Amino acid sequence: MSIELVRVDDRLIHGQVVMGWTRSRGINTILVADDETAKSKMQCQLMKMATPPGVTPVFFTVDEAASKILEGTYDNKKVMILTKSCHQIADLISKGVDITEINLGNLRSGAGKVSIANMVYASEDEIKVWKELSDKGIKLYAQSVPSNPSTNINDALQKF
């Protein structure tokens, strides 16, 4: 499988952002790895409607996604992996999925969260996970759409 993009965005599949990334990277499959979404037919249907033409969305729990990736189910596809949180990415990695770079999209603010980049907020626990991924040599960057500049999250985490 050609993993073209790994993105963490709490909105998962949505409008312009997905359109921009699928076009710029030639992505033909969006693999959503999110337990809650995979179990909700309504959420899956809504996201299918937001998927650009020519791109196939698939929805799995994190365990199912890791199995499908490791089995080679999507080896002949250009894939974007989407999750809602750093914990899901860390789980995929712990299950053997080879991820070397992660794009952080919109991660909303909330109680106990601090800004680590524009439109990217994290709790103390999430910062710990991001730092662990960074320490493994994984490139972390925030970039909403391909035409916008990116922010190096590995460097941004040094202030926490």
Foldseek 3Di string as FASTA:
>chain_A
DAAQAEEAAQVWQAAPQQVQVCVVRVFAEEEEADPVQLPDPVSVVVSVVSHDPNHYYDYYHLVVVLVCVVVCVQVVGHYYYYYHALVSVVSSVVSPDDAQEYEYEANDDDPQWDDLDVNDIDHPVRLVSVQVSVVVNRFYWYDRGPVDDIHGSNVSSVVD
